[in-house]
Structures are given as structure tokens and as C-alpha cells.
């Protein structure tokens, strides 16, 4: 009886460790994807001429502000 309890606990600990390792791997992959996306966007913005870049950044800022405002009014 004691042996089966110990085996059960060890099994659960191993399962939890595996689940944690998988979750950490997925978080790392998503973080790397986010970093790559940000780098790509920054490179695209840097390639624009200054006037176009200013217009794009302004438009993105307006859209972001609108999104924040809409979320606040929904809450």
C-alpha cells in the first residue's frame, strides 16, 4: 500500500514535470515568434521614407488608442 502511494506520487510528479517542460517550450516558441514579428515590422518601418513612416506610425497610434478606448467602454 505504501509502495503504491509512493509510485503514484512519483508518477504524478513526473507527469507534472513533463507538462511544465512542454508549457515552457511553447512559451519560448511564442516569445521567439513575437520577437521575430516585431523585428520584421521595425525593419519594414525603417525602410520607409520619413514622411510615410510618420504617417504609418500616426495611423498605428490612432488605431491602438481606439482599440484601448473600445475595450474600456466594453468593460
PDB file of N, CA and C in Angstrom:
ATOM      1  N   UNK A   1       0.829  -1.186   0.000  1.00  0.00           N
ATOM      2  CA  UNK A   1       0.000   0.000   0.000  1.00  0.00           C
ATOM      3  C   UNK A   1       0.875   1.252   0.000  1.00  0.00           C
ATOM      4  N   UNK A   2       1.873   1.267   0.856  1.00  0.00           N
ATOM      5  CA  UNK A   2       2.779   2.403   0.906  1.00  0.00           C
ATOM      6  C   UNK A   2       3.561   2.511  -0.389  1.00  0.00           C
ATOM      7  N   UNK A   3       3.945   1.392  -0.929  1.00  0.00           N
ATOM      8  CA  UNK A   3       4.701   1.367  -2.165  1.00  0.00           C
ATOM      9  C   UNK A   3       3.884   1.919  -3.337  1.00  0.00           C
ATOM     10  N   UNK A   4       2.604   1.588  -3.386  1.00  0.00           N
ATOM     11  CA  UNK A   4       1.759   2.077  -4.476  1.00  0.00           C
ATOM     12  C   UNK A   4       1.521   3.584  -4.350  1.00  0.00           C
ATOM     13  N   UNK A   5       1.432   4.098  -3.139  1.00  0.00           N
ATOM     14  CA  UNK A   5       1.268   5.546  -2.936  1.00  0.00           C
ATOM     15  C   UNK A   5       2.512   6.297  -3.391  1.00  0.00           C
ATOM     16  N   UNK A   6       3.656   5.757  -3.052  1.00  0.00           N
ATOM     17  CA  UNK A   6       4.908   6.382  -3.466  1.00  0.00           C
ATOM     18  C   UNK A   6       5.013   6.364  -4.982  1.00  0.00           C
ATOM     19  N   UNK A   7       4.671   5.250  -5.589  1.00  0.00           N
ATOM     20  CA  UNK A   7       4.710   5.129  -7.048  1.00  0.00           C
ATOM     21  C   UNK A   7       3.744   6.120  -7.692  1.00  0.00           C
ATOM     22  N   UNK A   8       2.572   6.285  -7.115  1.00  0.00           N
ATOM     23  CA  UNK A   8       1.589   7.233  -7.633  1.00  0.00           C
ATOM     24  C   UNK A   8       2.118   8.662  -7.542  1.00  0.00           C
ATOM     25  N   UNK A   9       2.698   9.012  -6.416  1.00  0.00           N
ATOM     26  CA  UNK A   9       3.245  10.358  -6.248  1.00  0.00           C
ATOM     27  C   UNK A   9       4.380  10.623  -7.230  1.00  0.00           C
ATOM     28  N   UNK A  10       5.255   9.643  -7.387  1.00  0.00           N
ATOM     29  CA  UNK A  10       6.368   9.797  -8.332  1.00  0.00           C
ATOM     30  C   UNK A  10       5.826   9.961  -9.748  1.00  0.00           C
ATOM     31  N   UNK A  11       4.829   9.163 -10.088  1.00  0.00           N
ATOM     32  CA  UNK A  11       4.210   9.269 -11.416  1.00  0.00           C
ATOM     33  C   UNK A  11       3.590  10.633 -11.650  1.00  0.00           C
ATOM     34  N   UNK A  12       2.893  11.137 -10.646  1.00  0.00           N
ATOM     35  CA  UNK A  12       2.271  12.461 -10.774  1.00  0.00           C
ATOM     36  C   UNK A  12       3.327  13.566 -10.877  1.00  0.00           C
ATOM     37  N   UNK A  13       4.393  13.437 -10.117  1.00  0.00           N
ATOM     38  CA  UNK A  13       5.466  14.430 -10.191  1.00  0.00           C
ATOM     39  C   UNK A  13       6.140  14.419 -11.563  1.00  0.00           C
ATOM     40  N   UNK A  14       6.356  13.233 -12.095  1.00  0.00           N
ATOM     41  CA  UNK A  14       6.960  13.139 -13.428  1.00  0.00           C
ATOM     42  C   UNK A  14       6.024  13.734 -14.481  1.00  0.00           C
ATOM     43  N   UNK A  15       4.733  13.434 -14.378  1.00  0.00           N
ATOM     44  CA  UNK A  15       3.757  13.991 -15.321  1.00  0.00           C
ATOM     45  C   UNK A  15       3.719  15.515 -15.231  1.00  0.00           C
ATOM     46  N   UNK A  16       3.765  16.043 -14.018  1.00  0.00           N
ATOM     47  CA  UNK A  16       3.758  17.496 -13.839  1.00  0.00           C
ATOM     48  C   UNK A  16       5.025  18.117 -14.412  1.00  0.00           C
ATOM     49  N   UNK A  17       6.160  17.458 -14.229  1.00  0.00           N
ATOM     50  CA  UNK A  17       7.416  17.976 -14.768  1.00  0.00           C
ATOM     51  C   UNK A  17       7.391  17.992 -16.296  1.00  0.00           C
ATOM     52  N   UNK A  18       6.843  16.951 -16.894  1.00  0.00           N
ATOM     53  CA  UNK A  18       6.735  16.895 -18.357  1.00  0.00           C
ATOM     54  C   UNK A  18       5.800  17.997 -18.855  1.00  0.00           C
ATOM     55  N   UNK A  19       4.670  18.171 -18.190  1.00  0.00           N
ATOM     56  CA  UNK A  19       3.722  19.219 -18.594  1.00  0.00           C
ATOM     57  C   UNK A  19       4.362  20.599 -18.474  1.00  0.00           C
ATOM     58  N   UNK A  20       5.121  20.813 -17.419  1.00  0.00           N
ATOM     59  CA  UNK A  20       5.804  22.097 -17.235  1.00  0.00           C
ATOM     60  C   UNK A  20       6.850  22.326 -18.321  1.00  0.00           C
ATOM     61  N   UNK A  21       7.576  21.294 -18.683  1.00  0.00           N
ATOM     62  CA  UNK A  21       8.587  21.414 -19.737  1.00  0.00           C
ATOM     63  C   UNK A  21       7.936  21.735 -21.082  1.00  0.00           C
ATOM     64  N   UNK A  22       6.814  21.103 -21.374  1.00  0.00           N
ATOM     65  CA  UNK A  22       6.098  21.377 -22.629  1.00  0.00           C
ATOM     66  C   UNK A  22       5.573  22.804 -22.638  1.00  0.00           C
ATOM     67  N   UNK A  23       5.005  23.244 -21.527  1.00  0.00           N
ATOM     68  CA  UNK A  23       4.487  24.614 -21.444  1.00  0.00           C
ATOM     69  C   UNK A  23       5.610  25.631 -21.606  1.00  0.00           C
ATOM     70  N   UNK A  24       6.743  25.384 -20.986  1.00  0.00           N
ATOM     71  CA  UNK A  24       7.883  26.302 -21.113  1.00  0.00           C
ATOM     72  C   UNK A  24       8.367  26.356 -22.548  1.00  0.00           C
ATOM     73  N   UNK A  25       8.377  25.227 -23.224  1.00  0.00           N
ATOM     74  CA  UNK A  25       8.799  25.181 -24.625  1.00  0.00           C
ATOM     75  C   UNK A  25       7.842  25.983 -25.505  1.00  0.00           C
ATOM     76  N   UNK A  26       6.556  25.848 -25.266  1.00  0.00           N
ATOM     77  CA  UNK A  26       5.571  26.592 -26.050  1.00  0.00           C
ATOM     78  C   UNK A  26       5.681  28.090 -25.804  1.00  0.00           C
ATOM     79  N   UNK A  27       5.908  28.482 -24.563  1.00  0.00           N
ATOM     80  CA  UNK A  27       6.074  29.904 -24.249  1.00  0.00           C
ATOM     81  C   UNK A  27       7.316  30.452 -24.948  1.00  0.00           C
ATOM     82  N   UNK A  28       8.395  29.684 -24.933  1.00  0.00           N
ATOM     83  CA  UNK A  28       9.634  30.104 -25.582  1.00  0.00           C
ATOM     84  C   UNK A  28       9.423  30.268 -27.087  1.00  0.00           C
ATOM     85  N   UNK A  29       8.694  29.336 -27.724  1.00  0.00           N
ATOM     86  CA  UNK A  29       8.414  29.431 -29.154  1.00  0.00           C
ATOM     87  C   UNK A  29       7.576  30.665 -29.473  1.00  0.00           C
ATOM     88  N   UNK A  30       6.561  30.926 -28.672  1.00  0.00           N
ATOM     89  CA  UNK A  30       5.699  32.094 -28.908  1.00  0.00           C
ATOM     90  C   UNK A  30       6.462  33.389 -28.697  1.00  0.00           C
ATOM     91  N   UNK A  31       7.347  33.399 -27.714  1.00  0.00           N
ATOM     92  CA  UNK A  31       8.158  34.593 -27.464  1.00  0.00           C
ATOM     93  C   UNK A  31       9.091  34.847 -28.641  1.00  0.00           C
ATOM     94  N   UNK A  32       9.727  33.799 -29.138  1.00  0.00           N
ATOM     95  CA  UNK A  32      10.620  33.950 -30.288  1.00  0.00           C
ATOM     96  C   UNK A  32       9.858  34.414 -31.520  1.00  0.00           C
ATOM     97  N   UNK A  33       8.644  33.912 -31.715  1.00  0.00           N
ATOM     98  CA  UNK A  33       7.822  34.353 -32.837  1.00  0.00           C
ATOM     99  C   UNK A  33       7.455  35.829 -32.697  1.00  0.00           C
ATOM    100  N   UNK A  34       7.104  36.248 -31.487  1.00  0.00           N
ATOM    101  CA  UNK A  34       6.760  37.651 -31.253  1.00  0.00           C
ATOM    102  C   UNK A  34       7.965  38.554 -31.516  1.00  0.00           C
ATOM    103  N   UNK A  35       9.145  38.135 -31.064  1.00  0.00           N
ATOM    104  CA  UNK A  35      10.350  38.932 -31.289  1.00  0.00           C
ATOM    105  C   UNK A  35      10.645  39.044 -32.779  1.00  0.00           C
ATOM    106  N   UNK A  36      10.508  37.930 -33.506  1.00  0.00           N
ATOM    107  CA  UNK A  36      10.754  37.946 -34.945  1.00  0.00           C
ATOM    108  C   UNK A  36       9.760  38.850 -35.668  1.00  0.00           C
ATOM    109  N   UNK A  37       8.509  38.822 -35.232  1.00  0.00           N
ATOM    110  CA  UNK A  37       7.485  39.671 -35.849  1.00  0.00           C
ATOM    111  C   UNK A  37       7.783  41.141 -35.605  1.00  0.00           C
ATOM    112  N   UNK A  38       8.162  41.483 -34.384  1.00  0.00           N
ATOM    113  CA  UNK A  38       8.499  42.871 -34.060  1.00  0.00           C
ATOM    114  C   UNK A  38       9.705  43.330 -34.871  1.00  0.00           C
ATOM    115  N   UNK A  39      10.710  42.485 -34.972  1.00  0.00           N
ATOM    116  CA  UNK A  39      11.896  42.841 -35.768  1.00  0.00           C
ATOM    117  C   UNK A  39      11.532  43.070 -37.230  1.00  0.00           C
ATOM    118  N   UNK A  40      10.633  42.236 -37.764  1.00  0.00           N
ATOM    119  CA  UNK A  40      10.201  42.386 -39.148  1.00  0.00           C
ATOM    120  C   UNK A  40       9.447  43.699 -39.348  1.00  0.00           C
ATOM    121  N   UNK A  41       8.562  44.016 -38.427  1.00  0.00           N
ATOM    122  CA  UNK A  41       7.799  45.272 -38.518  1.00  0.00           C
ATOM    123  C   UNK A  41       8.732  46.471 -38.424  1.00  0.00           C
ATOM    124  N   UNK A  42       9.685  46.416 -37.488  1.00  0.00           N
ATOM    125  CA  UNK A  42      10.634  47.525 -37.356  1.00  0.00           C
ATOM    126  C   UNK A  42      11.481  47.690 -38.612  1.00  0.00           C
ATOM    127  N   UNK A  43      11.867  46.581 -39.230  1.00  0.00           N
ATOM    128  CA  UNK A  43      12.650  46.655 -40.468  1.00  0.00           C
ATOM    129  C   UNK A  43      11.822  47.262 -41.594  1.00  0.00           C
ATOM    130  N   UNK A  44      10.562  46.889 -41.667  1.00  0.00           N
ATOM    131  CA  UNK A  44       9.689  47.455 -42.703  1.00  0.00           C
ATOM    132  C   UNK A  44       9.484  48.948 -42.483  1.00  0.00           C
ATOM    133  N   UNK A  45       9.310  49.365 -41.227  1.00  0.00           N
ATOM    134  CA  UNK A  45       9.150  50.789 -40.932  1.00  0.00           C
ATOM    135  C   UNK A  45      10.425  51.562 -41.252  1.00  0.00           C
ATOM    136  N   UNK A  46      11.567  50.976 -40.949  1.00  0.00           N
ATOM    137  CA  UNK A  46      12.842  51.647 -41.201  1.00  0.00           C
ATOM    138  C   UNK A  46      13.094  51.833 -42.698  1.00  0.00           C
ATOM    139  N   UNK A  47      12.519  50.947 -43.511  1.00  0.00           N
ATOM    140  CA  UNK A  47      12.721  51.036 -44.956  1.00  0.00           C
ATOM    141  C   UNK A  47      11.878  52.136 -45.600  1.00  0.00           C
ATOM    142  N   UNK A  48      10.909  52.648 -44.882  1.00  0.00           N
ATOM    143  CA  UNK A  48      10.045  53.694 -45.442  1.00  0.00           C
ATOM    144  C   UNK A  48      10.744  55.050 -45.393  1.00  0.00           C
ATOM    145  N   UNK A  49      10.303  55.954 -46.290  1.00  0.00           N
ATOM    146  CA  UNK A  49      10.827  57.317 -46.214  1.00  0.00           C
ATOM    147  C   UNK A  49      10.224  57.998 -44.981  1.00  0.00           C
ATOM    148  N   UNK A  50      10.864  59.054 -44.478  1.00  0.00           N
ATOM    149  CA  UNK A  50      10.422  59.663 -43.209  1.00  0.00           C
ATOM    150  C   UNK A  50       8.964  60.107 -43.176  1.00  0.00           C
ATOM    151  N   UNK A  51       8.458  60.684 -44.272  1.00  0.00           N
ATOM    152  CA  UNK A  51       7.071  61.159 -44.269  1.00  0.00           C
ATOM    153  C   UNK A  51       6.097  59.990 -44.192  1.00  0.00           C
ATOM    154  N   UNK A  52       6.353  58.963 -44.974  1.00  0.00           N
ATOM    155  CA  UNK A  52       5.483  57.787 -44.955  1.00  0.00           C
ATOM    156  C   UNK A  52       5.560  57.091 -43.606  1.00  0.00           C
ATOM    157  N   UNK A  53       6.767  56.992 -43.043  1.00  0.00           N
ATOM    158  CA  UNK A  53       6.948  56.369 -41.736  1.00  0.00           C
ATOM    159  C   UNK A  53       6.139  57.116 -40.680  1.00  0.00           C
ATOM    160  N   UNK A  54       6.178  58.436 -40.709  1.00  0.00           N
ATOM    161  CA  UNK A  54       5.426  59.237 -39.735  1.00  0.00           C
ATOM    162  C   UNK A  54       3.927  58.996 -39.880  1.00  0.00           C
ATOM    163  N   UNK A  55       3.457  58.895 -41.119  1.00  0.00           N
ATOM    164  CA  UNK A  55       2.035  58.646 -41.345  1.00  0.00           C
ATOM    165  C   UNK A  55       1.627  57.263 -40.839  1.00  0.00           C
ATOM    166  N   UNK A  56       2.468  56.267 -41.087  1.00  0.00           N
ATOM    167  CA  UNK A  56       2.155  54.907 -40.636  1.00  0.00           C
ATOM    168  C   UNK A  56       2.136  54.841 -39.115  1.00  0.00           C
ATOM    169  N   UNK A  57       3.130  55.425 -38.479  1.00  0.00           N
ATOM    170  CA  UNK A  57       3.188  55.411 -37.013  1.00  0.00           C
ATOM    171  C   UNK A  57       1.993  56.153 -36.431  1.00  0.00           C
ATOM    172  N   UNK A  58       1.619  57.257 -37.038  1.00  0.00           N
ATOM    173  CA  UNK A  58       0.462  58.011 -36.570  1.00  0.00           C
ATOM    174  C   UNK A  58      -0.808  57.172 -36.678  1.00  0.00           C
ATOM    175  N   UNK A  59      -0.973  56.510 -37.810  1.00  0.00           N
ATOM    176  CA  UNK A  59      -2.166  55.676 -38.015  1.00  0.00           C
ATOM    177  C   UNK A  59      -2.203  54.517 -37.011  1.00  0.00           C
ATOM    178  N   UNK A  60      -1.045  53.890 -36.787  1.00  0.00           N
ATOM    179  CA  UNK A  60      -0.981  52.800 -35.811  1.00  0.00           C
ATOM    180  C   UNK A  60      -1.330  53.297 -34.409  1.00  0.00           C
ATOM    181  N   UNK A  61      -0.870  54.503 -34.080  1.00  0.00           N
ATOM    182  CA  UNK A  61      -1.162  55.072 -32.762  1.00  0.00           C
ATOM    183  C   UNK A  61      -2.653  55.339 -32.603  1.00  0.00           C
ATOM    184  N   UNK A  62      -3.269  55.878 -33.644  1.00  0.00           N
ATOM    185  CA  UNK A  62      -4.704  56.159 -33.592  1.00  0.00           C
ATOM    186  C   UNK A  62      -5.487  54.861 -33.451  1.00  0.00           C
ATOM    187  N   UNK A  63      -5.101  53.835 -34.223  1.00  0.00           N
ATOM    188  CA  UNK A  63      -5.792  52.548 -34.144  1.00  0.00           C
ATOM    189  C   UNK A  63      -5.627  51.921 -32.759  1.00  0.00           C
ATOM    190  N   UNK A  64      -4.438  52.011 -32.192  1.00  0.00           N
ATOM    191  CA  UNK A  64      -4.192  51.449 -30.862  1.00  0.00           C
ATOM    192  C   UNK A  64      -5.017  52.185 -29.806  1.00  0.00           C
ATOM    193  N   UNK A  65      -5.078  53.501 -29.904  1.00  0.00           N
ATOM    194  CA  UNK A  65      -5.868  54.279 -28.950  1.00  0.00           C
ATOM    195  C   UNK A  65      -7.348  53.922 -29.057  1.00  0.00           C
ATOM    196  N   UNK A  66      -7.831  53.738 -30.276  1.00  0.00           N
ATOM    197  CA  UNK A  66      -9.234  53.363 -30.484  1.00  0.00           C
ATOM    198  C   UNK A  66      -9.515  51.990 -29.886  1.00  0.00           C
ATOM    199  N   UNK A  67      -8.589  51.047 -30.063  1.00  0.00           N
ATOM    200  CA  UNK A  67      -8.758  49.708 -29.500  1.00  0.00           C
ATOM    201  C   UNK A  67      -8.831  49.763 -27.984  1.00  0.00           C
ATOM    202  N   UNK A  68      -7.951  50.535 -27.368  1.00  0.00           N
ATOM    203  CA  UNK A  68      -7.950  50.673 -25.902  1.00  0.00           C
ATOM    204  C   UNK A  68      -9.258  51.305 -25.451  1.00  0.00           C
ATOM    205  N   UNK A  69      -9.697  52.325 -26.143  1.00  0.00           N
ATOM    206  CA  UNK A  69     -10.945  53.014 -25.782  1.00  0.00           C
ATOM    207  C   UNK A  69     -12.124  52.052 -25.891  1.00  0.00           C
ATOM    208  N   UNK A  70     -12.175  51.274 -26.972  1.00  0.00           N
ATOM    209  CA  UNK A  70     -13.282  50.336 -27.158  1.00  0.00           C
ATOM    210  C   UNK A  70     -13.300  49.270 -26.057  1.00  0.00           C
ATOM    211  N   UNK A  71     -12.135  48.788 -25.659  1.00  0.00           N
ATOM    212  CA  UNK A  71     -12.080  47.783 -24.603  1.00  0.00           C
ATOM    213  C   UNK A  71     -12.525  48.356 -23.273  1.00  0.00           C
ATOM    214  N   UNK A  72     -12.204  49.617 -23.029  1.00  0.00           N
ATOM    215  CA  UNK A  72     -12.615  50.244 -21.756  1.00  0.00           C
ATOM    216  C   UNK A  72     -14.129  50.434 -21.713  1.00  0.00           C
ATOM    217  N   UNK A  73     -14.721  50.779 -22.840  1.00  0.00           N
ATOM    218  CA  UNK A  73     -16.165  51.008 -22.835  1.00  0.00           C
ATOM    219  C   UNK A  73     -16.938  49.695 -22.752  1.00  0.00           C
ATOM    220  N   UNK A  74     -16.329  48.583 -23.176  1.00  0.00           N
ATOM    221  CA  UNK A  74     -16.986  47.286 -23.085  1.00  0.00           C
ATOM    222  C   UNK A  74     -16.951  46.738 -21.670  1.00  0.00           C
ATOM    223  N   UNK A  75     -15.944  47.118 -20.910  1.00  0.00           N
ATOM    224  CA  UNK A  75     -15.771  46.551 -19.551  1.00  0.00           C
ATOM    225  C   UNK A  75     -16.720  47.135 -18.562  1.00  0.00           C
TER     226      UNK A  75
END
